Amino acid sequence: TVKIRPESIVEACTLLRDFEACPFNFLAALTAVDYFPEEPRFAVVYQLYSLPQRVFLRLKVRVPSDHAEVATIEGVFPNANWHEREVFDMFGVRFLGHSDPRRILMPQDWEGHPLRKDYPLGYEEVQFSFNFDEIDRRKPYAKE
């Protein structure tokens, strides 16, 4: 894993993609990690692959919660478009210069970002029990 400053990610990805000895010419994955309550809170993780050399390289960019944004790399790797939209949708990390920054998984009017560690879990407590009759009495079915 190579740690990169947020302002250098586009330059680093371009350099690695165009490196003649071992070109990392495929963006295999782009995701995020929420390290709450640490700061910087988020890590944006880029998994690059060199098709000719068959090796992976992971880049990690840490961004704080109060300024959770990093430059888009869709100009370097076009398939980053949907990956970056998913990271925005689930974690709230913004990608500056992105061509289509709307949500991709959640409805457009959804509030919050579900994969953040401080996201509320929901209104109904999960029951872990083998007492199925009790569970059935408490949960209404669609037909009721």
N, C-alpha and C. Protein backbone atom coordinates (compact mmCIF):
# COMPACT_ATOMS: atom_id res chain seq x y z
N THR A 1 0.84 -1.19 0.00
CA THR A 1 0.00 0.00 0.00
C THR A 1 0.88 1.24 0.00
N VAL A 2 0.58 2.15 -0.91
CA VAL A 2 1.30 3.41 -1.01
C VAL A 2 0.36 4.51 -0.59
N LYS A 3 0.77 5.30 0.39
CA LYS A 3 -0.05 6.41 0.87
C LYS A 3 0.26 7.65 0.05
N ILE A 4 -0.80 8.29 -0.45
CA ILE A 4 -0.69 9.44 -1.34
C ILE A 4 -1.42 10.62 -0.72
N ARG A 5 -0.89 11.82 -0.89
CA ARG A 5 -1.61 13.02 -0.45
C ARG A 5 -2.78 13.26 -1.39
N PRO A 6 -3.91 13.76 -0.88
CA PRO A 6 -5.09 13.95 -1.73
C PRO A 6 -4.82 14.80 -2.98
N GLU A 7 -4.00 15.82 -2.84
CA GLU A 7 -3.75 16.71 -3.99
C GLU A 7 -2.87 16.06 -5.06
N SER A 8 -2.31 14.88 -4.79
CA SER A 8 -1.40 14.21 -5.74
C SER A 8 -2.00 12.99 -6.40
N ILE A 9 -3.25 12.65 -6.13
CA ILE A 9 -3.79 11.38 -6.61
C ILE A 9 -3.87 11.30 -8.14
N VAL A 10 -4.29 12.37 -8.80
CA VAL A 10 -4.40 12.33 -10.27
C VAL A 10 -3.02 12.16 -10.89
N GLU A 11 -2.07 12.92 -10.41
CA GLU A 11 -0.70 12.82 -10.92
C GLU A 11 -0.11 11.43 -10.67
N ALA A 12 -0.34 10.86 -9.50
CA ALA A 12 0.18 9.53 -9.18
C ALA A 12 -0.45 8.46 -10.08
N CYS A 13 -1.76 8.52 -10.27
CA CYS A 13 -2.43 7.53 -11.12
C CYS A 13 -1.98 7.65 -12.57
N THR A 14 -1.79 8.87 -13.05
CA THR A 14 -1.31 9.08 -14.42
C THR A 14 0.10 8.52 -14.58
N LEU A 15 0.96 8.81 -13.63
CA LEU A 15 2.34 8.31 -13.67
C LEU A 15 2.37 6.78 -13.66
N LEU A 16 1.58 6.17 -12.81
CA LEU A 16 1.56 4.70 -12.72
C LEU A 16 0.95 4.07 -13.97
N ARG A 17 -0.08 4.68 -14.53
CA ARG A 17 -0.68 4.15 -15.75
C ARG A 17 0.30 4.19 -16.91
N ASP A 18 1.11 5.25 -17.00
CA ASP A 18 2.01 5.46 -18.13
C ASP A 18 3.44 4.94 -17.89
N PHE A 19 3.69 4.31 -16.76
CA PHE A 19 5.03 3.81 -16.43
C PHE A 19 5.37 2.65 -17.36
N GLU A 20 6.42 2.79 -18.17
CA GLU A 20 6.72 1.81 -19.21
C GLU A 20 7.13 0.44 -18.67
N ALA A 21 7.93 0.40 -17.64
CA ALA A 21 8.43 -0.89 -17.13
C ALA A 21 7.32 -1.74 -16.51
N CYS A 22 6.34 -1.09 -15.91
CA CYS A 22 5.24 -1.82 -15.27
C CYS A 22 4.00 -0.93 -15.27
N PRO A 23 3.32 -0.85 -16.41
CA PRO A 23 2.16 0.04 -16.48
C PRO A 23 0.96 -0.51 -15.69
N PHE A 24 0.51 0.26 -14.73
CA PHE A 24 -0.71 -0.11 -13.99
C PHE A 24 -1.88 0.47 -14.78
N ASN A 25 -2.33 -0.31 -15.78
CA ASN A 25 -3.26 0.20 -16.77
C ASN A 25 -4.71 -0.20 -16.53
N PHE A 26 -5.02 -0.69 -15.33
CA PHE A 26 -6.40 -1.09 -15.04
C PHE A 26 -6.75 -0.72 -13.60
N LEU A 27 -7.84 0.01 -13.45
CA LEU A 27 -8.37 0.31 -12.11
C LEU A 27 -9.30 -0.83 -11.74
N ALA A 28 -8.83 -1.71 -10.86
CA ALA A 28 -9.61 -2.89 -10.48
C ALA A 28 -10.70 -2.55 -9.48
N ALA A 29 -10.42 -1.62 -8.57
CA ALA A 29 -11.41 -1.27 -7.55
C ALA A 29 -11.10 0.11 -7.00
N LEU A 30 -12.14 0.76 -6.52
CA LEU A 30 -12.00 2.04 -5.83
C LEU A 30 -13.06 2.03 -4.75
N THR A 31 -12.66 2.14 -3.51
CA THR A 31 -13.61 2.10 -2.41
C THR A 31 -13.15 3.04 -1.31
N ALA A 32 -13.82 2.99 -0.19
CA ALA A 32 -13.45 3.85 0.94
C ALA A 32 -13.55 3.05 2.23
N VAL A 33 -12.89 3.57 3.26
CA VAL A 33 -12.94 3.00 4.60
C VAL A 33 -13.22 4.14 5.56
N ASP A 34 -14.13 3.91 6.51
CA ASP A 34 -14.45 4.90 7.53
C ASP A 34 -13.72 4.50 8.81
N TYR A 35 -12.77 5.32 9.23
CA TYR A 35 -11.98 5.04 10.43
C TYR A 35 -12.51 5.80 11.65
N PHE A 36 -13.78 6.17 11.64
CA PHE A 36 -14.39 6.91 12.75
C PHE A 36 -14.07 6.21 14.07
N PRO A 37 -13.63 6.89 15.10
CA PRO A 37 -13.55 8.33 15.32
C PRO A 37 -12.18 8.94 14.99
N GLU A 38 -11.29 8.20 14.32
CA GLU A 38 -9.97 8.75 13.96
C GLU A 38 -10.10 9.90 12.98
N GLU A 39 -9.08 10.74 12.94
CA GLU A 39 -8.95 11.77 11.91
C GLU A 39 -7.55 11.66 11.32
N PRO A 40 -7.38 11.75 10.02
CA PRO A 40 -8.43 11.90 9.04
C PRO A 40 -9.32 10.66 9.01
N ARG A 41 -10.60 10.92 8.91
CA ARG A 41 -11.60 9.88 9.10
C ARG A 41 -11.67 8.86 7.96
N PHE A 42 -11.62 9.33 6.73
CA PHE A 42 -11.85 8.44 5.59
C PHE A 42 -10.55 8.12 4.86
N ALA A 43 -10.51 6.92 4.30
CA ALA A 43 -9.44 6.54 3.38
C ALA A 43 -10.12 6.15 2.07
N VAL A 44 -9.70 6.77 0.99
CA VAL A 44 -10.14 6.35 -0.34
C VAL A 44 -9.05 5.42 -0.85
N VAL A 45 -9.46 4.21 -1.24
CA VAL A 45 -8.51 3.15 -1.60
C VAL A 45 -8.66 2.83 -3.09
N TYR A 46 -7.55 2.90 -3.80
CA TYR A 46 -7.50 2.64 -5.24
C TYR A 46 -6.70 1.36 -5.45
N GLN A 47 -7.29 0.38 -6.11
CA GLN A 47 -6.61 -0.88 -6.39
C GLN A 47 -6.27 -0.89 -7.88
N LEU A 48 -5.00 -0.73 -8.21
CA LEU A 48 -4.55 -0.71 -9.61
C LEU A 48 -3.93 -2.06 -9.96
N TYR A 49 -4.06 -2.42 -11.24
CA TYR A 49 -3.53 -3.70 -11.71
C TYR A 49 -2.72 -3.48 -12.98
N SER A 50 -1.57 -4.13 -13.06
CA SER A 50 -0.75 -4.11 -14.27
C SER A 50 -1.05 -5.37 -15.06
N LEU A 51 -1.74 -5.22 -16.17
CA LEU A 51 -2.07 -6.39 -16.99
C LEU A 51 -0.81 -7.08 -17.54
N PRO A 52 0.18 -6.34 -18.06
CA PRO A 52 1.37 -7.03 -18.58
C PRO A 52 2.19 -7.76 -17.51
N GLN A 53 2.31 -7.16 -16.33
CA GLN A 53 3.14 -7.75 -15.27
C GLN A 53 2.36 -8.59 -14.27
N ARG A 54 1.05 -8.50 -14.31
CA ARG A 54 0.16 -9.26 -13.41
C ARG A 54 0.45 -9.00 -11.94
N VAL A 55 0.50 -7.72 -11.58
CA VAL A 55 0.70 -7.33 -10.18
C VAL A 55 -0.29 -6.23 -9.81
N PHE A 56 -0.67 -6.25 -8.54
CA PHE A 56 -1.57 -5.23 -7.99
C PHE A 56 -0.76 -4.19 -7.22
N LEU A 57 -1.32 -3.00 -7.15
CA LEU A 57 -0.77 -1.93 -6.32
C LEU A 57 -1.95 -1.19 -5.70
N ARG A 58 -1.88 -1.00 -4.40
CA ARG A 58 -2.95 -0.30 -3.69
C ARG A 58 -2.46 1.09 -3.30
N LEU A 59 -3.28 2.10 -3.63
CA LEU A 59 -3.01 3.47 -3.22
C LEU A 59 -4.05 3.86 -2.19
N LYS A 60 -3.62 4.61 -1.19
CA LYS A 60 -4.55 5.04 -0.14
C LYS A 60 -4.41 6.54 0.07
N VAL A 61 -5.54 7.23 0.06
CA VAL A 61 -5.60 8.67 0.30
C VAL A 61 -6.48 8.89 1.52
N ARG A 62 -5.96 9.56 2.55
CA ARG A 62 -6.75 9.86 3.75
C ARG A 62 -7.33 11.27 3.63
N VAL A 63 -8.62 11.41 3.94
CA VAL A 63 -9.29 12.71 3.90
C VAL A 63 -10.07 12.91 5.19
N PRO A 64 -10.07 14.13 5.73
CA PRO A 64 -10.77 14.40 6.99
C PRO A 64 -12.28 14.49 6.78
N SER A 65 -13.03 14.30 7.85
CA SER A 65 -14.49 14.32 7.76
C SER A 65 -15.03 15.71 7.42
N ASP A 66 -14.35 16.77 7.85
CA ASP A 66 -14.86 18.11 7.57
C ASP A 66 -14.50 18.60 6.17
N HIS A 67 -13.70 17.85 5.45
CA HIS A 67 -13.29 18.22 4.09
C HIS A 67 -13.13 16.93 3.28
N ALA A 68 -14.19 16.11 3.26
CA ALA A 68 -14.13 14.79 2.64
C ALA A 68 -14.28 14.89 1.13
N GLU A 69 -13.19 15.27 0.47
CA GLU A 69 -13.21 15.37 -0.98
C GLU A 69 -11.81 15.13 -1.53
N VAL A 70 -11.80 14.60 -2.74
CA VAL A 70 -10.55 14.31 -3.44
C VAL A 70 -10.85 14.47 -4.93
N ALA A 71 -9.84 14.74 -5.73
CA ALA A 71 -10.03 14.93 -7.17
C ALA A 71 -10.45 13.62 -7.84
N THR A 72 -11.30 13.73 -8.85
CA THR A 72 -11.70 12.55 -9.61
C THR A 72 -10.53 12.04 -10.45
N ILE A 73 -10.50 10.73 -10.68
CA ILE A 73 -9.50 10.16 -11.57
C ILE A 73 -10.15 9.58 -12.82
N GLU A 74 -11.40 9.97 -13.11
CA GLU A 74 -12.07 9.41 -14.28
C GLU A 74 -11.42 9.86 -15.58
N GLY A 75 -10.60 10.92 -15.56
CA GLY A 75 -9.83 11.31 -16.73
C GLY A 75 -8.66 10.36 -16.99
N VAL A 76 -8.21 9.68 -15.96
CA VAL A 76 -7.11 8.71 -16.07
C VAL A 76 -7.67 7.32 -16.31
N PHE A 77 -8.65 6.94 -15.53
CA PHE A 77 -9.33 5.64 -15.65
C PHE A 77 -10.83 5.90 -15.78
N PRO A 78 -11.39 5.82 -16.99
CA PRO A 78 -12.82 6.13 -17.17
C PRO A 78 -13.75 5.28 -16.31
N ASN A 79 -13.36 4.04 -15.98
CA ASN A 79 -14.23 3.20 -15.17
C ASN A 79 -14.32 3.67 -13.72
N ALA A 80 -13.54 4.68 -13.34
CA ALA A 80 -13.64 5.25 -11.99
C ALA A 80 -14.97 5.96 -11.79
N ASN A 81 -15.67 6.29 -12.87
CA ASN A 81 -16.92 7.04 -12.78
C ASN A 81 -17.89 6.40 -11.80
N TRP A 82 -18.25 5.15 -12.02
CA TRP A 82 -19.24 4.51 -11.15
C TRP A 82 -18.67 4.19 -9.78
N HIS A 83 -17.40 3.84 -9.71
CA HIS A 83 -16.76 3.58 -8.41
C HIS A 83 -16.84 4.83 -7.53
N GLU A 84 -16.51 5.98 -8.10
CA GLU A 84 -16.54 7.23 -7.33
C GLU A 84 -17.95 7.60 -6.92
N ARG A 85 -18.92 7.36 -7.79
CA ARG A 85 -20.32 7.63 -7.43
C ARG A 85 -20.76 6.74 -6.27
N GLU A 86 -20.33 5.49 -6.26
CA GLU A 86 -20.68 4.59 -5.17
C GLU A 86 -20.06 5.04 -3.85
N VAL A 87 -18.79 5.45 -3.89
CA VAL A 87 -18.12 5.93 -2.67
C VAL A 87 -18.82 7.18 -2.15
N PHE A 88 -19.21 8.09 -3.05
CA PHE A 88 -19.95 9.27 -2.61
C PHE A 88 -21.27 8.86 -1.98
N ASP A 89 -21.99 7.97 -2.63
CA ASP A 89 -23.31 7.56 -2.17
C ASP A 89 -23.25 6.87 -0.80
N MET A 90 -22.29 6.00 -0.60
CA MET A 90 -22.21 5.22 0.63
C MET A 90 -21.45 5.91 1.77
N PHE A 91 -20.45 6.73 1.44
CA PHE A 91 -19.59 7.35 2.46
C PHE A 91 -19.67 8.87 2.51
N GLY A 92 -20.13 9.51 1.43
CA GLY A 92 -20.20 10.96 1.41
C GLY A 92 -18.92 11.65 1.00
N VAL A 93 -17.95 10.91 0.49
CA VAL A 93 -16.71 11.52 0.01
C VAL A 93 -16.99 12.07 -1.39
N ARG A 94 -16.72 13.35 -1.59
CA ARG A 94 -16.98 14.00 -2.88
C ARG A 94 -15.73 13.92 -3.76
N PHE A 95 -15.97 13.76 -5.07
CA PHE A 95 -14.89 13.70 -6.05
C PHE A 95 -14.97 14.94 -6.92
N LEU A 96 -14.02 15.85 -6.69
CA LEU A 96 -14.01 17.13 -7.37
C LEU A 96 -13.76 16.95 -8.86
N GLY A 97 -14.60 17.58 -9.69
CA GLY A 97 -14.46 17.49 -11.13
C GLY A 97 -15.16 16.30 -11.74
N HIS A 98 -15.91 15.55 -10.95
CA HIS A 98 -16.62 14.36 -11.46
C HIS A 98 -17.69 14.80 -12.44
N SER A 99 -17.86 14.04 -13.53
CA SER A 99 -18.80 14.41 -14.58
C SER A 99 -20.26 14.16 -14.23
N ASP A 100 -20.54 13.27 -13.27
CA ASP A 100 -21.92 12.93 -12.93
C ASP A 100 -22.00 12.58 -11.44
N PRO A 101 -21.97 13.59 -10.56
CA PRO A 101 -21.84 13.32 -9.12
C PRO A 101 -23.12 12.93 -8.38
N ARG A 102 -24.13 12.46 -9.08
CA ARG A 102 -25.37 12.09 -8.37
C ARG A 102 -25.26 10.68 -7.78
N ARG A 103 -26.21 10.36 -6.92
CA ARG A 103 -26.22 9.04 -6.28
C ARG A 103 -26.36 7.94 -7.33
N ILE A 104 -25.84 6.75 -6.98
CA ILE A 104 -25.92 5.63 -7.91
C ILE A 104 -26.69 4.44 -7.33
N LEU A 105 -26.68 4.28 -6.00
CA LEU A 105 -27.35 3.14 -5.37
C LEU A 105 -28.60 3.53 -4.60
N MET A 106 -28.54 4.61 -3.87
CA MET A 106 -29.65 5.05 -3.04
C MET A 106 -30.54 6.02 -3.82
N PRO A 107 -31.82 6.17 -3.42
CA PRO A 107 -32.68 7.15 -4.08
C PRO A 107 -32.10 8.56 -3.96
N GLN A 108 -32.40 9.41 -4.93
CA GLN A 108 -31.84 10.76 -4.95
C GLN A 108 -32.21 11.58 -3.72
N ASP A 109 -33.37 11.32 -3.12
CA ASP A 109 -33.79 12.09 -1.95
C ASP A 109 -33.34 11.46 -0.62
N TRP A 110 -32.51 10.43 -0.67
CA TRP A 110 -32.03 9.76 0.53
C TRP A 110 -31.16 10.71 1.34
N GLU A 111 -31.34 10.71 2.65
CA GLU A 111 -30.52 11.54 3.52
C GLU A 111 -29.46 10.68 4.20
N GLY A 112 -28.23 11.13 4.14
CA GLY A 112 -27.14 10.42 4.80
C GLY A 112 -26.41 9.47 3.87
N HIS A 113 -25.43 8.79 4.46
CA HIS A 113 -24.56 7.88 3.71
C HIS A 113 -24.43 6.60 4.53
N PRO A 114 -25.08 5.51 4.09
CA PRO A 114 -25.27 4.30 4.90
C PRO A 114 -24.02 3.56 5.38
N LEU A 115 -22.88 3.70 4.74
CA LEU A 115 -21.71 2.94 5.20
C LEU A 115 -20.83 3.72 6.17
N ARG A 116 -21.26 4.91 6.56
CA ARG A 116 -20.53 5.64 7.60
C ARG A 116 -20.78 4.96 8.93
N LYS A 117 -19.77 4.90 9.77
CA LYS A 117 -19.92 4.22 11.05
C LYS A 117 -20.86 4.94 12.01
N ASP A 118 -21.13 6.21 11.78
CA ASP A 118 -22.06 6.94 12.65
C ASP A 118 -23.47 7.01 12.06
N TYR A 119 -23.73 6.26 10.99
CA TYR A 119 -25.06 6.25 10.39
C TYR A 119 -26.01 5.46 11.29
N PRO A 120 -27.22 5.99 11.55
CA PRO A 120 -28.15 5.26 12.42
C PRO A 120 -28.54 3.92 11.80
N LEU A 121 -28.60 2.90 12.64
CA LEU A 121 -28.86 1.55 12.14
C LEU A 121 -30.31 1.32 11.75
N GLY A 122 -31.24 2.05 12.31
CA GLY A 122 -32.64 1.86 11.95
C GLY A 122 -33.53 1.93 13.16
N TYR A 123 -34.82 1.84 12.91
CA TYR A 123 -35.80 2.01 13.98
C TYR A 123 -36.13 0.70 14.68
N GLU A 124 -35.82 -0.43 14.05
CA GLU A 124 -36.23 -1.71 14.61
C GLU A 124 -35.01 -2.48 15.10
N GLU A 125 -35.05 -2.90 16.34
CA GLU A 125 -33.95 -3.66 16.89
C GLU A 125 -33.96 -5.08 16.32
N VAL A 126 -32.80 -5.56 15.94
CA VAL A 126 -32.69 -6.91 15.37
C VAL A 126 -32.82 -7.92 16.50
N GLN A 127 -33.64 -8.95 16.26
CA GLN A 127 -33.83 -9.99 17.26
C GLN A 127 -33.03 -11.22 16.87
N PHE A 128 -32.18 -11.66 17.76
CA PHE A 128 -31.43 -12.89 17.55
C PHE A 128 -32.00 -13.92 18.52
N SER A 129 -32.86 -14.78 17.99
CA SER A 129 -33.57 -15.70 18.86
C SER A 129 -34.03 -16.90 18.05
N PHE A 130 -34.23 -18.01 18.75
CA PHE A 130 -34.84 -19.16 18.11
C PHE A 130 -36.31 -19.27 18.49
N ASN A 131 -36.81 -18.26 19.18
CA ASN A 131 -38.22 -18.22 19.56
C ASN A 131 -39.01 -17.61 18.41
N PHE A 132 -39.27 -18.39 17.37
CA PHE A 132 -39.88 -17.88 16.16
C PHE A 132 -41.31 -17.39 16.37
N ASP A 133 -42.06 -18.00 17.29
CA ASP A 133 -43.43 -17.55 17.55
C ASP A 133 -43.43 -16.12 18.07
N GLU A 134 -42.52 -15.81 18.98
CA GLU A 134 -42.40 -14.45 19.51
C GLU A 134 -42.05 -13.46 18.40
N ILE A 135 -41.15 -13.85 17.55
CA ILE A 135 -40.76 -12.99 16.43
C ILE A 135 -41.94 -12.76 15.51
N ASP A 136 -42.68 -13.83 15.20
CA ASP A 136 -43.83 -13.71 14.30
C ASP A 136 -44.91 -12.79 14.87
N ARG A 137 -45.15 -12.82 16.16
CA ARG A 137 -46.17 -11.95 16.77
C ARG A 137 -45.79 -10.48 16.72
N ARG A 138 -44.52 -10.17 16.77
CA ARG A 138 -44.08 -8.77 16.80
C ARG A 138 -43.93 -8.15 15.42
N LYS A 139 -43.82 -8.93 14.40
CA LYS A 139 -43.56 -8.39 13.06
C LYS A 139 -44.78 -8.58 12.17
N PRO A 140 -45.34 -7.48 11.70
CA PRO A 140 -46.49 -7.61 10.79
C PRO A 140 -46.03 -8.09 9.41
N TYR A 141 -46.92 -8.79 8.75
CA TYR A 141 -46.65 -9.26 7.40
C TYR A 141 -47.37 -8.35 6.41
N ALA A 142 -46.97 -8.40 5.17
CA ALA A 142 -47.57 -7.54 4.15
C ALA A 142 -49.06 -7.81 3.98
N LYS A 143 -49.50 -9.04 4.24
CA LYS A 143 -50.91 -9.38 4.05
C LYS A 143 -51.80 -8.85 5.17
N GLU A 144 -51.24 -8.42 6.30
CA GLU A 144 -52.06 -7.95 7.43
C GLU A 144 -52.49 -6.52 7.24
